[in-house]
Protein backbone atom coordinates (compact mmCIF):
# COMPACT_ATOMS: atom_id res chain seq x y z
CA UNK A 1 0.00 0.00 0.00
CA UNK A 2 1.37 3.41 -0.81
CA UNK A 3 1.73 6.09 1.88
CA UNK A 4 -1.01 8.24 0.40
CA UNK A 5 -3.59 5.45 0.64
CA UNK A 6 -2.54 4.66 4.21
CA UNK A 7 -2.92 8.32 5.10
CA UNK A 8 -6.41 8.52 3.55
CA UNK A 9 -7.56 5.36 5.33
CA UNK A 10 -6.24 6.71 8.65
CA UNK A 11 -7.96 10.06 8.04
CA UNK A 12 -11.30 8.43 7.24
CA UNK A 13 -11.04 6.17 10.31
CA UNK A 14 -10.23 9.16 12.51
CA UNK A 15 -13.17 11.14 11.11
CA UNK A 16 -15.55 8.23 11.66
CA UNK A 17 -14.30 7.80 15.21
CA UNK A 18 -14.61 11.51 16.01
CA UNK A 19 -18.14 11.80 14.60
CA UNK A 20 -19.23 8.66 16.45
CA UNK A 21 -17.91 10.02 19.75
CA UNK A 22 -19.25 13.52 19.25
CA UNK A 23 -22.78 12.45 18.43
CA UNK A 24 -23.08 10.09 21.39
CA UNK A 25 -23.65 12.71 24.08
CA UNK A 26 -26.65 14.99 24.12
CA UNK A 27 -25.73 18.19 26.00
CA UNK A 28 -29.41 18.69 26.92
CA UNK A 29 -29.35 15.51 29.03
CA UNK A 30 -26.65 16.79 31.37
CA UNK A 31 -27.79 19.16 34.09
CA UNK A 32 -24.23 19.76 35.29
CA UNK A 33 -22.77 22.93 33.79
CA UNK A 34 -19.21 22.94 32.55
CA UNK A 35 -17.21 24.89 35.15
CA UNK A 36 -14.59 25.77 32.54
CA UNK A 37 -17.18 27.73 30.57
CA UNK A 38 -18.42 29.74 33.56
CA UNK A 39 -17.23 33.16 34.56
CA UNK A 40 -15.65 33.60 37.99
CA UNK A 41 -18.89 34.62 39.76
CA UNK A 42 -21.00 31.83 38.26
CA UNK A 43 -18.31 29.31 39.12
CA UNK A 44 -18.12 30.64 42.70
CA UNK A 45 -21.88 30.28 43.15
CA UNK A 46 -21.75 26.79 41.64
CA UNK A 47 -18.85 25.78 43.91
CA UNK A 48 -20.54 27.25 47.00
CA UNK A 49 -23.70 25.28 46.22
CA UNK A 50 -21.66 22.10 45.78
CA UNK A 51 -19.84 22.69 49.07
CA UNK A 52 -23.14 23.42 50.83
CA UNK A 53 -24.57 20.18 49.46
CA UNK A 54 -21.52 18.23 50.62
CA UNK A 55 -21.93 19.64 54.15
CA UNK A 56 -25.65 18.78 54.07
CA UNK A 57 -24.92 15.25 52.82
CA UNK A 58 -22.39 14.69 55.60
CA UNK A 59 -24.91 15.98 58.15
CA UNK A 60 -27.60 13.65 56.82
CA UNK A 61 -25.13 10.77 56.91
CA UNK A 62 -24.14 11.65 60.49
CA UNK A 63 -27.78 11.86 61.54
CA UNK A 64 -28.32 8.29 60.31
CA UNK A 65 -25.15 6.97 61.96
CA UNK A 66 -24.95 5.58 65.49
CA UNK A 67 -23.13 8.01 67.80
CA UNK A 68 -20.30 5.55 68.48
CA UNK A 69 -19.49 5.46 64.73
CA UNK A 70 -19.40 9.22 64.09
CA UNK A 71 -15.62 9.73 64.19
CA UNK A 72 -14.90 9.11 60.47
CA UNK A 73 -17.75 11.40 59.44
CA UNK A 74 -16.51 14.09 61.82
CA UNK A 75 -13.04 13.77 60.25
CA UNK A 76 -14.61 14.29 56.80
CA UNK A 77 -16.46 17.33 58.12
CA UNK A 78 -13.21 18.80 59.47
CA UNK A 79 -11.46 18.24 56.13
CA UNK A 80 -14.37 19.83 54.24
CA UNK A 81 -14.40 22.78 56.65
CA UNK A 82 -10.70 23.34 55.93
CA UNK A 83 -11.33 23.09 52.19
CA UNK A 84 -14.01 25.76 52.50
CA UNK A 85 -11.71 27.94 54.60
CA UNK A 86 -9.04 27.90 51.88
CA UNK A 87 -11.41 28.53 48.98
CA UNK A 88 -10.65 31.66 46.95
CA UNK A 89 -13.66 33.78 46.12
CA UNK A 90 -14.51 37.20 44.66
CA UNK A 91 -15.01 40.06 47.11
CA UNK A 92 -18.82 40.29 46.67
CA UNK A 93 -19.04 36.67 47.88
CA UNK A 94 -17.16 37.25 51.16
CA UNK A 95 -20.29 37.22 53.31
CA UNK A 96 -21.56 34.08 51.59
CA UNK A 97 -18.18 32.38 52.04
CA UNK A 98 -18.14 33.28 55.73
CA UNK A 99 -21.65 31.89 56.19
CA UNK A 100 -20.74 28.71 54.30
CA UNK A 101 -17.74 28.26 56.56
CA UNK A 102 -19.88 28.83 59.67
CA UNK A 103 -22.46 26.35 58.39
CA UNK A 104 -19.71 23.73 58.00
CA UNK A 105 -18.18 24.67 61.37
CA UNK A 106 -21.40 24.40 63.37
CA UNK A 107 -22.43 21.21 61.58
CA UNK A 108 -19.11 19.64 62.56
CA UNK A 109 -19.40 21.00 66.12
CA UNK A 110 -22.95 19.66 66.46
CA UNK A 111 -21.90 16.08 65.72
CA UNK A 112 -18.58 16.44 67.53
CA UNK A 113 -20.41 17.44 70.72
CA UNK A 114 -22.68 14.39 70.39
CA UNK A 115 -19.67 12.15 69.87
CA UNK A 116 -17.75 13.77 72.76
CA UNK A 117 -20.75 13.32 75.04
CA UNK A 118 -20.85 9.64 74.07
CA UNK A 119 -17.12 9.26 74.79
CA UNK A 120 -17.46 10.94 78.18
CA UNK A 121 -20.40 8.74 79.14
CA UNK A 122 -18.64 5.56 78.03
CA UNK A 123 -15.40 6.43 79.83
CA UNK A 124 -17.17 6.80 83.20
CA UNK A 125 -15.95 10.37 83.57
CA UNK A 126 -19.44 11.66 83.92
CA UNK A 127 -21.31 13.85 81.53
CA UNK A 128 -20.10 16.82 79.61
CA UNK A 129 -21.31 20.29 80.55
CA UNK A 130 -23.81 21.50 77.96
CA UNK A 131 -22.80 24.72 76.19
CA UNK A 132 -25.08 27.71 76.52
CA UNK A 133 -25.55 27.89 72.76
CA UNK A 134 -26.12 24.45 71.29
CA UNK A 135 -24.15 24.25 68.01
CA UNK A 136 -26.94 22.12 66.53
CA UNK A 137 -29.31 25.08 66.85
CA UNK A 138 -26.89 27.25 64.88
CA UNK A 139 -26.76 24.82 61.94
CA UNK A 140 -30.29 25.63 60.81
CA UNK A 141 -29.71 29.38 61.20
CA UNK A 142 -26.56 29.30 59.04
CA UNK A 143 -28.14 26.97 56.45
CA UNK A 144 -31.08 29.34 55.96
CA UNK A 145 -28.81 32.40 55.86
CA UNK A 146 -26.48 30.69 53.38
CA UNK A 147 -29.38 29.84 51.08
CA UNK A 148 -30.51 33.47 51.17
CA UNK A 149 -27.00 34.77 50.44
CA UNK A 150 -26.62 32.34 47.53
CA UNK A 151 -29.91 33.57 46.13
CA UNK A 152 -28.73 37.18 46.54
CA UNK A 153 -25.49 36.35 44.70
CA UNK A 154 -27.45 34.80 41.85
CA UNK A 155 -29.61 37.91 41.57
CA UNK A 156 -26.56 40.15 41.70
CA UNK A 157 -24.94 38.14 38.90
CA UNK A 158 -28.14 38.20 36.85
CA UNK A 159 -28.37 41.99 37.18
CA UNK A 160 -24.82 42.55 35.95
């Protein structure tokens, strides 16, 4: 076979392969936006929502877990809280970022206090003194505030 024929066969095969792969995915079926195509503000809102959902998922998982098995979930919460703390964000999102961090912090503290209470009770050292402000009460406050701030950011982005 001469080089020109080999080249043409390779080109046709490559074109067939590319058109087969390109036509196989319908972009309308995917509800996940492409973060690479977003501007900085849209991506920040998207990331904040994902982080909020991860905190909520961990909280739901912790709520369904026996108290004596909470330690690995608490460790995940601590790691996620640190990830949120180090997240870079645009200045208009500072209040939302702070609220997201507090939501993660109080969620972790809520389940940590339950786990610590269990450890104290099982170690025969008595019971732990209850804090004046229960961190579990703060979780709902920060979740609602975070949702409002995310909505405000979306409206701010839509207006610009």
